Amino acid sequence: MPPIISIVGKSDSGKTTLLEGLIAQIKQRGYKVAVIKHSSKDVELDTVNKDSWRFSRAGSEVSAIVSPHKLAVFKNLEHDLEPQELSRFIDPDCDFILTEGFKQSHHPKIEVHRKEQGKELVSPPGQLLAVVTDEKLDVAVPQFSRGEIRKIADLIERTLPARRGEDRGERLDI
């Protein structure tokens, strides 16, 4: 399984923007990266009255739609899945899994912080790998500005070495 790191922070702190930069930087280094976004709200991603939606409504546990360049799988869940569980659905050739959210997971976290949102962080200290912030904080982990994408990617690469060249293990067929 690829190593997992979670990008966390309060709403509108800049998590998605940071992830966009990290994805590009990690790809430039020759790695394959997967991203999983967590939403605390139940969202409907399938289009109403389209075939895959109709299959799910008819009772299919899993429905998928595939085109020449994309695959979307819709699976009914009984509970909210953790990143570890979700990693079974990720392409086994990926070197890293980055997540947005999953504040409660046990995986290492990089927290995105904005001064105007207060000094309190959402990550437990033992899981905090770094903070991306616009002010100096009293924390015992590296702190980066939003523009230091290369340095943040360096930290990820050093801390969570990718599985390049390792045995990828079994794959879950969807």
Foldseek 3Di string as FASTA:
>chain_A
DAAEEEEEEDPPLCSVVLVVLLCVLVVVVVFAEAEAEDDPDDDDPDDPPDDQNVVVVVPDQKGWDDDPPDIDIDGDDPDDDAVVVCVLVDDLRGFYYYYYDPQVDQAAYEYRDEVVVDQDTSHDLVRYAEYAYPDDHPHDHHYHHSPPSVVVSVSCCVPRPTQVPHDSDDHDDD
